[in-house]
């Protein structure tokens, strides 16, 4: 039985279709004071898969997830797998300053305590988040799906990481597509002057694909797009796994001369063109 939270209903339906499973009806609404109400309408007896992204509004989506998991636990289900395509509060996985909350650890403990028996996610911001769980965890890469999409539409793209942090994603896609990849690197020319350019390759006249795991404000992507345009790239396309896209991020990106933005459906957005449903279904079958 597949149960989709309100943040991931469409994706849950796709995963149910991929698995040939029933999509459980869910009743959920918000009371006038802001509190959540949920009711699981289907006949769930032994096993369930709960699918709920915990992006904005993070607190609301997390509370709904906890309510679903705890309700299933009270129904004495043997196995409750939870799929969180985008893991909210996942950016703080260690304490940098005294007194900081390690939010990723807190959320992991709450998910487990609520009743999850297995945890699945897509491109966690830090793989170390898996270590916060005592249940089996699976961090699925969306890069094969993104690579398929790019390969069907571009003949010989150059995959570009906007910084060193995104370099593993660029390499993974380039290995799948058998194409070149590079990353942008900052070189300090003087105390007050920094030059940012591609590390190894010339982008002139090439179709460039910027790849990252998360696009939030769009600042990093705008900087990368501007540099690629300055170096006469023929086309600049942006792709990411999680389209957080805060406020006017998309507007800023397109204003920087980007031809297109493509993302997966771990979060709902206008650019969520690539579905991770086949990847999740494959992982759940194992």
C-alpha atoms as a PDB file:
ATOM      1  CA  UNK A   1       0.000   0.000   0.000  1.00  0.00           C
ATOM      2  CA  UNK A   2       1.370   3.420  -0.998  1.00  0.00           C
ATOM      3  CA  UNK A   3       0.427   6.408   1.146  1.00  0.00           C
ATOM      4  CA  UNK A   4       1.154   9.855  -0.210  1.00  0.00           C
ATOM      5  CA  UNK A   5       1.347  12.847   2.085  1.00  0.00           C
ATOM      6  CA  UNK A   6      -0.085  16.119   0.832  1.00  0.00           C
ATOM      7  CA  UNK A   7       3.366  17.346  -0.295  1.00  0.00           C
ATOM      8  CA  UNK A   8       3.936  14.346  -2.603  1.00  0.00           C
ATOM      9  CA  UNK A   9       0.562  13.120  -3.834  1.00  0.00           C
ATOM     10  CA  UNK A  10       1.448  13.167  -7.539  1.00  0.00           C
ATOM     11  CA  UNK A  11       4.798  11.469  -7.019  1.00  0.00           C
ATOM     12  CA  UNK A  12       3.175   8.873  -4.753  1.00  0.00           C
ATOM     13  CA  UNK A  13       0.666   8.068  -7.496  1.00  0.00           C
ATOM     14  CA  UNK A  14       3.486   7.597 -10.015  1.00  0.00           C
ATOM     15  CA  UNK A  15       5.378   5.305  -7.656  1.00  0.00           C
ATOM     16  CA  UNK A  16       2.221   3.276  -6.983  1.00  0.00           C
ATOM     17  CA  UNK A  17       1.733   2.879 -10.733  1.00  0.00           C
ATOM     18  CA  UNK A  18       5.380   1.813 -11.201  1.00  0.00           C
ATOM     19  CA  UNK A  19       4.995  -0.841  -8.495  1.00  0.00           C
ATOM     20  CA  UNK A  20       1.501  -1.939  -9.433  1.00  0.00           C
ATOM     21  CA  UNK A  21       0.405  -1.090  -5.893  1.00  0.00           C
ATOM     22  CA  UNK A  22      -2.718   0.554  -4.526  1.00  0.00           C
ATOM     23  CA  UNK A  23      -2.574   4.254  -3.669  1.00  0.00           C
ATOM     24  CA  UNK A  24      -4.222   4.642  -0.294  1.00  0.00           C
ATOM     25  CA  UNK A  25      -6.787   7.450   0.040  1.00  0.00           C
ATOM     26  CA  UNK A  26      -5.708  10.122   2.516  1.00  0.00           C
ATOM     27  CA  UNK A  27      -7.862  12.756   4.164  1.00  0.00           C
ATOM     28  CA  UNK A  28      -5.955  15.762   5.438  1.00  0.00           C
ATOM     29  CA  UNK A  29      -6.854  19.335   6.235  1.00  0.00           C
ATOM     30  CA  UNK A  30      -5.851  22.240   8.411  1.00  0.00           C
ATOM     31  CA  UNK A  31      -7.933  23.468  11.331  1.00  0.00           C
ATOM     32  CA  UNK A  32      -8.574  27.220  11.642  1.00  0.00           C
ATOM     33  CA  UNK A  33      -5.809  27.453  14.263  1.00  0.00           C
ATOM     34  CA  UNK A  34      -3.287  25.896  11.867  1.00  0.00           C
ATOM     35  CA  UNK A  35      -3.144  22.384  13.319  1.00  0.00           C
ATOM     36  CA  UNK A  36      -3.209  19.382  10.982  1.00  0.00           C
ATOM     37  CA  UNK A  37      -5.812  16.622  10.729  1.00  0.00           C
ATOM     38  CA  UNK A  38      -5.078  13.350   8.931  1.00  0.00           C
ATOM     39  CA  UNK A  39      -7.063  10.194   8.349  1.00  0.00           C
ATOM     40  CA  UNK A  40      -5.817   7.120   6.498  1.00  0.00           C
ATOM     41  CA  UNK A  41      -8.795   5.952   4.500  1.00  0.00           C
ATOM     42  CA  UNK A  42      -7.570   2.672   3.043  1.00  0.00           C
ATOM     43  CA  UNK A  43      -7.458  -0.810   4.561  1.00  0.00           C
ATOM     44  CA  UNK A  44      -3.790  -1.075   5.547  1.00  0.00           C
ATOM     45  CA  UNK A  45      -3.012  -4.388   7.229  1.00  0.00           C
ATOM     46  CA  UNK A  46       0.653  -5.442   6.947  1.00  0.00           C
ATOM     47  CA  UNK A  47       3.024  -3.163   5.019  1.00  0.00           C
ATOM     48  CA  UNK A  48       2.961   0.448   3.891  1.00  0.00           C
ATOM     49  CA  UNK A  49       5.170   2.925   2.053  1.00  0.00           C
ATOM     50  CA  UNK A  50       4.754   6.561   3.087  1.00  0.00           C
ATOM     51  CA  UNK A  51       5.917   9.202   0.614  1.00  0.00           C
ATOM     52  CA  UNK A  52       6.233  12.767   1.818  1.00  0.00           C
ATOM     53  CA  UNK A  53       8.750  15.459   0.911  1.00  0.00           C
ATOM     54  CA  UNK A  54       9.548  17.837   3.724  1.00  0.00           C
ATOM     55  CA  UNK A  55      10.249  21.032   1.828  1.00  0.00           C
ATOM     56  CA  UNK A  56       8.399  24.317   2.360  1.00  0.00           C
ATOM     57  CA  UNK A  57       6.367  24.555   4.557  1.00  0.00           C
ATOM     58  CA  UNK A  58       8.816  22.246   6.315  1.00  0.00           C
ATOM     59  CA  UNK A  59       7.246  22.217   9.775  1.00  0.00           C
ATOM     60  CA  UNK A  60       3.770  21.514   8.422  1.00  0.00           C
ATOM     61  CA  UNK A  61       4.948  18.700   6.164  1.00  0.00           C
ATOM     62  CA  UNK A  62       7.009  17.118   8.934  1.00  0.00           C
ATOM     63  CA  UNK A  63       4.119  17.175  11.419  1.00  0.00           C
ATOM     64  CA  UNK A  64       1.874  15.557   8.824  1.00  0.00           C
ATOM     65  CA  UNK A  65       4.534  12.891   8.227  1.00  0.00           C
ATOM     66  CA  UNK A  66       4.852  12.170  11.953  1.00  0.00           C
ATOM     67  CA  UNK A  67       1.073  11.884  12.290  1.00  0.00           C
ATOM     68  CA  UNK A  68       0.895   9.422   9.394  1.00  0.00           C
ATOM     69  CA  UNK A  69       3.756   7.285  10.710  1.00  0.00           C
ATOM     70  CA  UNK A  70       2.447   7.226  14.267  1.00  0.00           C
ATOM     71  CA  UNK A  71      -1.053   6.319  13.074  1.00  0.00           C
ATOM     72  CA  UNK A  72       0.331   3.395  11.058  1.00  0.00           C
ATOM     73  CA  UNK A  73       2.384   2.272  14.037  1.00  0.00           C
ATOM     74  CA  UNK A  74      -0.756   2.249  16.195  1.00  0.00           C
ATOM     75  CA  UNK A  75      -2.352  -0.045  13.585  1.00  0.00           C
ATOM     76  CA  UNK A  76       0.378  -2.626  14.334  1.00  0.00           C
ATOM     77  CA  UNK A  77       1.869  -2.702  10.848  1.00  0.00           C
ATOM     78  CA  UNK A  78       4.897  -4.971  10.516  1.00  0.00           C
ATOM     79  CA  UNK A  79       6.824  -2.764   8.101  1.00  0.00           C
ATOM     80  CA  UNK A  80       6.489   0.969   7.370  1.00  0.00           C
ATOM     81  CA  UNK A  81       8.927   2.300   4.797  1.00  0.00           C
ATOM     82  CA  UNK A  82       9.226   6.074   4.549  1.00  0.00           C
ATOM     83  CA  UNK A  83      10.342   7.841   1.368  1.00  0.00           C
ATOM     84  CA  UNK A  84      11.338  11.480   1.847  1.00  0.00           C
ATOM     85  CA  UNK A  85      12.382  12.632  -1.631  1.00  0.00           C
ATOM     86  CA  UNK A  86      13.593  15.981  -0.289  1.00  0.00           C
ATOM     87  CA  UNK A  87      14.829  15.864   3.302  1.00  0.00           C
ATOM     88  CA  UNK A  88      14.081  19.159   5.034  1.00  0.00           C
ATOM     89  CA  UNK A  89      16.364  20.366   7.837  1.00  0.00           C
ATOM     90  CA  UNK A  90      19.148  18.315   6.227  1.00  0.00           C
ATOM     91  CA  UNK A  91      21.684  21.111   5.786  1.00  0.00           C
ATOM     92  CA  UNK A  92      22.822  21.148   9.424  1.00  0.00           C
ATOM     93  CA  UNK A  93      24.367  17.711   9.946  1.00  0.00           C
ATOM     94  CA  UNK A  94      27.121  18.859  12.315  1.00  0.00           C
ATOM     95  CA  UNK A  95      27.673  21.485  14.989  1.00  0.00           C
ATOM     96  CA  UNK A  96      29.851  24.346  13.767  1.00  0.00           C
ATOM     97  CA  UNK A  97      29.375  26.641  16.765  1.00  0.00           C
ATOM     98  CA  UNK A  98      28.655  25.942  20.411  1.00  0.00           C
ATOM     99  CA  UNK A  99      24.956  25.648  21.156  1.00  0.00           C
ATOM    100  CA  UNK A 100      23.804  24.922  17.593  1.00  0.00           C
ATOM    101  CA  UNK A 101      21.125  22.323  16.978  1.00  0.00           C
ATOM    102  CA  UNK A 102      22.122  19.467  14.670  1.00  0.00           C
ATOM    103  CA  UNK A 103      18.750  19.565  12.934  1.00  0.00           C
ATOM    104  CA  UNK A 104      19.345  16.600  10.604  1.00  0.00           C
ATOM    105  CA  UNK A 105      19.987  14.355  13.611  1.00  0.00           C
ATOM    106  CA  UNK A 106      16.876  15.583  15.424  1.00  0.00           C
ATOM    107  CA  UNK A 107      14.609  14.985  12.425  1.00  0.00           C
ATOM    108  CA  UNK A 108      16.113  11.524  11.818  1.00  0.00           C
ATOM    109  CA  UNK A 109      15.406  10.514  15.417  1.00  0.00           C
ATOM    110  CA  UNK A 110      11.828  11.807  15.220  1.00  0.00           C
ATOM    111  CA  UNK A 111      11.142   9.907  11.980  1.00  0.00           C
ATOM    112  CA  UNK A 112      12.408   6.695  13.523  1.00  0.00           C
ATOM    113  CA  UNK A 113      10.544   7.239  16.794  1.00  0.00           C
ATOM    114  CA  UNK A 114       7.311   7.902  14.882  1.00  0.00           C
ATOM    115  CA  UNK A 115       7.437   4.384  13.445  1.00  0.00           C
ATOM    116  CA  UNK A 116       9.523   4.207  10.277  1.00  0.00           C
ATOM    117  CA  UNK A 117      11.247   0.855   9.754  1.00  0.00           C
ATOM    118  CA  UNK A 118      13.208   1.853   6.621  1.00  0.00           C
ATOM    119  CA  UNK A 119      14.236   5.254   5.268  1.00  0.00           C
ATOM    120  CA  UNK A 120      14.686   6.285   1.621  1.00  0.00           C
ATOM    121  CA  UNK A 121      15.683   9.667   0.207  1.00  0.00           C
ATOM    122  CA  UNK A 122      17.013  11.245  -2.977  1.00  0.00           C
ATOM    123  CA  UNK A 123      20.447  12.896  -2.996  1.00  0.00           C
ATOM    124  CA  UNK A 124      20.671  13.840   0.644  1.00  0.00           C
ATOM    125  CA  UNK A 125      22.618  17.071   1.025  1.00  0.00           C
ATOM    126  CA  UNK A 126      25.118  15.143   3.148  1.00  0.00           C
ATOM    127  CA  UNK A 127      25.401  11.360   2.965  1.00  0.00           C
ATOM    128  CA  UNK A 128      26.340  11.348   6.656  1.00  0.00           C
ATOM    129  CA  UNK A 129      22.671  11.948   7.482  1.00  0.00           C
ATOM    130  CA  UNK A 130      22.186   8.192   7.013  1.00  0.00           C
ATOM    131  CA  UNK A 131      24.368   7.643  10.069  1.00  0.00           C
ATOM    132  CA  UNK A 132      21.781   9.334  12.287  1.00  0.00           C
ATOM    133  CA  UNK A 133      19.359   6.441  11.732  1.00  0.00           C
ATOM    134  CA  UNK A 134      19.417   3.026  13.393  1.00  0.00           C
ATOM    135  CA  UNK A 135      17.101   1.612  10.724  1.00  0.00           C
ATOM    136  CA  UNK A 136      18.127   0.644   7.151  1.00  0.00           C
ATOM    137  CA  UNK A 137      18.687   3.785   5.056  1.00  0.00           C
ATOM    138  CA  UNK A 138      18.974   4.300   1.305  1.00  0.00           C
ATOM    139  CA  UNK A 139      20.291   7.452  -0.359  1.00  0.00           C
ATOM    140  CA  UNK A 140      19.224   7.211  -4.010  1.00  0.00           C
ATOM    141  CA  UNK A 141      20.967   9.186  -6.750  1.00  0.00           C
ATOM    142  CA  UNK A 142      18.740  10.990  -9.250  1.00  0.00           C
ATOM    143  CA  UNK A 143      21.655  11.552 -11.637  1.00  0.00           C
ATOM    144  CA  UNK A 144      20.787   8.582 -13.917  1.00  0.00           C
ATOM    145  CA  UNK A 145      17.342  10.085 -14.561  1.00  0.00           C
ATOM    146  CA  UNK A 146      18.826  13.539 -15.179  1.00  0.00           C
ATOM    147  CA  UNK A 147      21.454  12.007 -17.479  1.00  0.00           C
ATOM    148  CA  UNK A 148      18.741  10.226 -19.502  1.00  0.00           C
ATOM    149  CA  UNK A 149      16.849  13.505 -19.924  1.00  0.00           C
ATOM    150  CA  UNK A 150      19.973  15.382 -21.017  1.00  0.00           C
ATOM    151  CA  UNK A 151      21.127  12.596 -23.325  1.00  0.00           C
ATOM    152  CA  UNK A 152      17.818  12.591 -25.204  1.00  0.00           C
ATOM    153  CA  UNK A 153      18.001  16.340 -25.881  1.00  0.00           C
ATOM    154  CA  UNK A 154      21.658  17.284 -26.268  1.00  0.00           C
ATOM    155  CA  UNK A 155      24.145  15.720 -28.656  1.00  0.00           C
ATOM    156  CA  UNK A 156      27.469  16.533 -26.990  1.00  0.00           C
ATOM    157  CA  UNK A 157      26.904  18.593 -23.839  1.00  0.00           C
ATOM    158  CA  UNK A 158      29.553  19.861 -21.450  1.00  0.00           C
ATOM    159  CA  UNK A 159      28.509  19.198 -17.853  1.00  0.00           C
ATOM    160  CA  UNK A 160      29.562  21.992 -15.500  1.00  0.00           C
ATOM    161  CA  UNK A 161      29.618  21.988 -11.705  1.00  0.00           C
ATOM    162  CA  UNK A 162      29.110  25.529 -10.371  1.00  0.00           C
ATOM    163  CA  UNK A 163      31.607  24.808  -7.562  1.00  0.00           C
ATOM    164  CA  UNK A 164      33.733  21.965  -6.225  1.00  0.00           C
ATOM    165  CA  UNK A 165      30.875  20.747  -4.034  1.00  0.00           C
ATOM    166  CA  UNK A 166      28.840  19.805  -7.101  1.00  0.00           C
ATOM    167  CA  UNK A 167      31.768  18.152  -8.877  1.00  0.00           C
ATOM    168  CA  UNK A 168      30.721  14.562  -7.984  1.00  0.00           C
ATOM    169  CA  UNK A 169      27.319  15.157  -9.645  1.00  0.00           C
ATOM    170  CA  UNK A 170      28.934  16.490 -12.815  1.00  0.00           C
ATOM    171  CA  UNK A 171      31.308  13.526 -12.955  1.00  0.00           C
ATOM    172  CA  UNK A 172      28.493  11.020 -12.395  1.00  0.00           C
ATOM    173  CA  UNK A 173      26.460  12.443 -15.268  1.00  0.00           C
ATOM    174  CA  UNK A 174      29.485  12.735 -17.570  1.00  0.00           C
ATOM    175  CA  UNK A 175      30.360   9.093 -16.895  1.00  0.00           C
ATOM    176  CA  UNK A 176      26.820   8.054 -17.783  1.00  0.00           C
ATOM    177  CA  UNK A 177      26.732  10.143 -20.965  1.00  0.00           C
ATOM    178  CA  UNK A 178      30.391   9.660 -21.936  1.00  0.00           C
ATOM    179  CA  UNK A 179      30.838  13.411 -22.292  1.00  0.00           C
ATOM    180  CA  UNK A 180      33.177  16.050 -20.849  1.00  0.00           C
ATOM    181  CA  UNK A 181      32.722  17.739 -17.502  1.00  0.00           C
ATOM    182  CA  UNK A 182      34.361  20.617 -15.679  1.00  0.00           C
ATOM    183  CA  UNK A 183      33.854  22.893 -12.689  1.00  0.00           C
ATOM    184  CA  UNK A 184      34.158  26.562 -11.945  1.00  0.00           C
ATOM    185  CA  UNK A 185      37.055  27.620  -9.777  1.00  0.00           C
ATOM    186  CA  UNK A 186      37.889  30.880  -8.056  1.00  0.00           C
ATOM    187  CA  UNK A 187      41.378  32.270  -8.457  1.00  0.00           C
ATOM    188  CA  UNK A 188      42.420  35.213  -6.269  1.00  0.00           C
ATOM    189  CA  UNK A 189      44.377  37.647  -8.430  1.00  0.00           C
ATOM    190  CA  UNK A 190      44.867  40.251  -5.699  1.00  0.00           C
ATOM    191  CA  UNK A 191      43.487  41.020  -2.235  1.00  0.00           C
ATOM    192  CA  UNK A 192      40.416  42.641  -3.777  1.00  0.00           C
ATOM    193  CA  UNK A 193      40.054  40.846  -7.126  1.00  0.00           C
ATOM    194  CA  UNK A 194      38.827  37.289  -7.770  1.00  0.00           C
ATOM    195  CA  UNK A 195      38.548  35.603 -11.160  1.00  0.00           C
ATOM    196  CA  UNK A 196      36.120  32.704 -11.598  1.00  0.00           C
ATOM    197  CA  UNK A 197      36.396  30.494 -14.672  1.00  0.00           C
ATOM    198  CA  UNK A 198      36.179  26.905 -15.849  1.00  0.00           C
ATOM    199  CA  UNK A 199      39.020  24.802 -14.473  1.00  0.00           C
ATOM    200  CA  UNK A 200      40.141  22.878 -17.543  1.00  0.00           C
ATOM    201  CA  UNK A 201      37.942  23.235 -20.613  1.00  0.00           C
ATOM    202  CA  UNK A 202      36.999  25.959 -23.070  1.00  0.00           C
ATOM    203  CA  UNK A 203      33.208  26.432 -23.187  1.00  0.00           C
ATOM    204  CA  UNK A 204      33.134  28.627 -26.302  1.00  0.00           C
ATOM    205  CA  UNK A 205      30.414  27.493 -28.700  1.00  0.00           C
ATOM    206  CA  UNK A 206      29.376  24.571 -26.493  1.00  0.00           C
ATOM    207  CA  UNK A 207      26.077  23.498 -24.996  1.00  0.00           C
ATOM    208  CA  UNK A 208      26.730  23.686 -21.266  1.00  0.00           C
ATOM    209  CA  UNK A 209      24.646  22.026 -18.555  1.00  0.00           C
ATOM    210  CA  UNK A 210      25.093  23.343 -15.012  1.00  0.00           C
ATOM    211  CA  UNK A 211      24.323  20.612 -12.482  1.00  0.00           C
ATOM    212  CA  UNK A 212      23.735  20.863  -8.729  1.00  0.00           C
ATOM    213  CA  UNK A 213      21.789  18.995  -6.068  1.00  0.00           C
ATOM    214  CA  UNK A 214      19.771  21.930  -4.682  1.00  0.00           C
ATOM    215  CA  UNK A 215      18.845  25.318  -6.112  1.00  0.00           C
ATOM    216  CA  UNK A 216      17.557  27.567  -3.353  1.00  0.00           C
ATOM    217  CA  UNK A 217      18.124  31.304  -3.875  1.00  0.00           C
ATOM    218  CA  UNK A 218      19.776  30.756  -7.256  1.00  0.00           C
ATOM    219  CA  UNK A 219      22.825  32.894  -6.424  1.00  0.00           C
ATOM    220  CA  UNK A 220      25.395  30.203  -7.205  1.00  0.00           C
ATOM    221  CA  UNK A 221      23.663  29.336 -10.470  1.00  0.00           C
ATOM    222  CA  UNK A 222      23.411  32.981 -11.565  1.00  0.00           C
ATOM    223  CA  UNK A 223      27.137  33.430 -10.965  1.00  0.00           C
ATOM    224  CA  UNK A 224      27.937  30.281 -12.952  1.00  0.00           C
ATOM    225  CA  UNK A 225      25.628  31.246 -15.831  1.00  0.00           C
ATOM    226  CA  UNK A 226      27.151  34.716 -16.076  1.00  0.00           C
ATOM    227  CA  UNK A 227      30.645  33.229 -16.286  1.00  0.00           C
ATOM    228  CA  UNK A 228      29.679  30.715 -18.971  1.00  0.00           C
ATOM    229  CA  UNK A 229      28.062  33.480 -21.006  1.00  0.00           C
ATOM    230  CA  UNK A 230      31.164  35.647 -20.600  1.00  0.00           C
ATOM    231  CA  UNK A 231      33.194  32.758 -22.005  1.00  0.00           C
ATOM    232  CA  UNK A 232      30.831  32.516 -25.010  1.00  0.00           C
ATOM    233  CA  UNK A 233      28.988  29.281 -24.269  1.00  0.00           C
ATOM    234  CA  UNK A 234      26.465  28.622 -27.029  1.00  0.00           C
ATOM    235  CA  UNK A 235      23.756  27.468 -24.627  1.00  0.00           C
ATOM    236  CA  UNK A 236      23.403  27.456 -20.837  1.00  0.00           C
ATOM    237  CA  UNK A 237      20.960  24.999 -19.286  1.00  0.00           C
ATOM    238  CA  UNK A 238      20.551  24.424 -15.566  1.00  0.00           C
ATOM    239  CA  UNK A 239      19.572  21.142 -13.937  1.00  0.00           C
ATOM    240  CA  UNK A 240      19.145  20.126 -10.321  1.00  0.00           C
ATOM    241  CA  UNK A 241      17.595  17.427  -8.188  1.00  0.00           C
ATOM    242  CA  UNK A 242      15.731  19.561  -5.647  1.00  0.00           C
ATOM    243  CA  UNK A 243      14.096  22.774  -6.989  1.00  0.00           C
ATOM    244  CA  UNK A 244      13.673  24.634  -3.701  1.00  0.00           C
ATOM    245  CA  UNK A 245      13.612  27.939  -5.653  1.00  0.00           C
ATOM    246  CA  UNK A 246      13.046  30.502  -2.933  1.00  0.00           C
ATOM    247  CA  UNK A 247      11.068  33.627  -3.905  1.00  0.00           C
ATOM    248  CA  UNK A 248      12.272  34.982  -7.283  1.00  0.00           C
ATOM    249  CA  UNK A 249      15.103  32.487  -7.810  1.00  0.00           C
ATOM    250  CA  UNK A 250      13.792  31.326 -11.188  1.00  0.00           C
ATOM    251  CA  UNK A 251      13.440  34.902 -12.431  1.00  0.00           C
ATOM    252  CA  UNK A 252      17.027  35.674 -11.438  1.00  0.00           C
ATOM    253  CA  UNK A 253      18.285  32.547 -13.172  1.00  0.00           C
ATOM    254  CA  UNK A 254      16.539  33.260 -16.464  1.00  0.00           C
ATOM    255  CA  UNK A 255      17.588  36.912 -16.311  1.00  0.00           C
ATOM    256  CA  UNK A 256      21.192  35.682 -16.214  1.00  0.00           C
ATOM    257  CA  UNK A 257      20.767  34.256 -19.726  1.00  0.00           C
ATOM    258  CA  UNK A 258      19.894  30.655 -18.894  1.00  0.00           C
ATOM    259  CA  UNK A 259      18.044  28.910 -21.725  1.00  0.00           C
ATOM    260  CA  UNK A 260      16.186  26.388 -19.596  1.00  0.00           C
ATOM    261  CA  UNK A 261      15.905  24.985 -16.080  1.00  0.00           C
ATOM    262  CA  UNK A 262      15.107  21.319 -15.516  1.00  0.00           C
ATOM    263  CA  UNK A 263      14.620  19.552 -12.194  1.00  0.00           C
ATOM    264  CA  UNK A 264      13.168  16.398 -10.716  1.00  0.00           C
ATOM    265  CA  UNK A 265       9.834  16.043  -8.949  1.00  0.00           C
ATOM    266  CA  UNK A 266      11.235  15.532  -5.438  1.00  0.00           C
ATOM    267  CA  UNK A 267       9.549  18.894  -4.902  1.00  0.00           C
ATOM    268  CA  UNK A 268       6.653  20.380  -6.825  1.00  0.00           C
ATOM    269  CA  UNK A 269       7.656  23.259  -9.077  1.00  0.00           C
ATOM    270  CA  UNK A 270       7.188  24.686 -12.560  1.00  0.00           C
ATOM    271  CA  UNK A 271      10.462  23.064 -13.653  1.00  0.00           C
ATOM    272  CA  UNK A 272       9.908  19.567 -12.180  1.00  0.00           C
ATOM    273  CA  UNK A 273      10.106  17.725 -15.515  1.00  0.00           C
ATOM    274  CA  UNK A 274      12.004  14.580 -14.519  1.00  0.00           C
ATOM    275  CA  UNK A 275      10.288  12.006 -12.313  1.00  0.00           C
ATOM    276  CA  UNK A 276      12.243  10.038  -9.731  1.00  0.00           C
ATOM    277  CA  UNK A 277       9.367   7.538  -9.461  1.00  0.00           C
ATOM    278  CA  UNK A 278      11.175   4.767 -11.414  1.00  0.00           C
ATOM    279  CA  UNK A 279      14.249   5.117  -9.168  1.00  0.00           C
ATOM    280  CA  UNK A 280      12.209   4.970  -5.968  1.00  0.00           C
ATOM    281  CA  UNK A 281      10.172   2.023  -7.232  1.00  0.00           C
ATOM    282  CA  UNK A 282      13.350   0.134  -8.128  1.00  0.00           C
ATOM    283  CA  UNK A 283      14.816   0.756  -4.666  1.00  0.00           C
ATOM    284  CA  UNK A 284      11.601  -0.373  -2.951  1.00  0.00           C
ATOM    285  CA  UNK A 285      11.536  -3.610  -4.955  1.00  0.00           C
ATOM    286  CA  UNK A 286      14.916  -4.711  -3.622  1.00  0.00           C
END
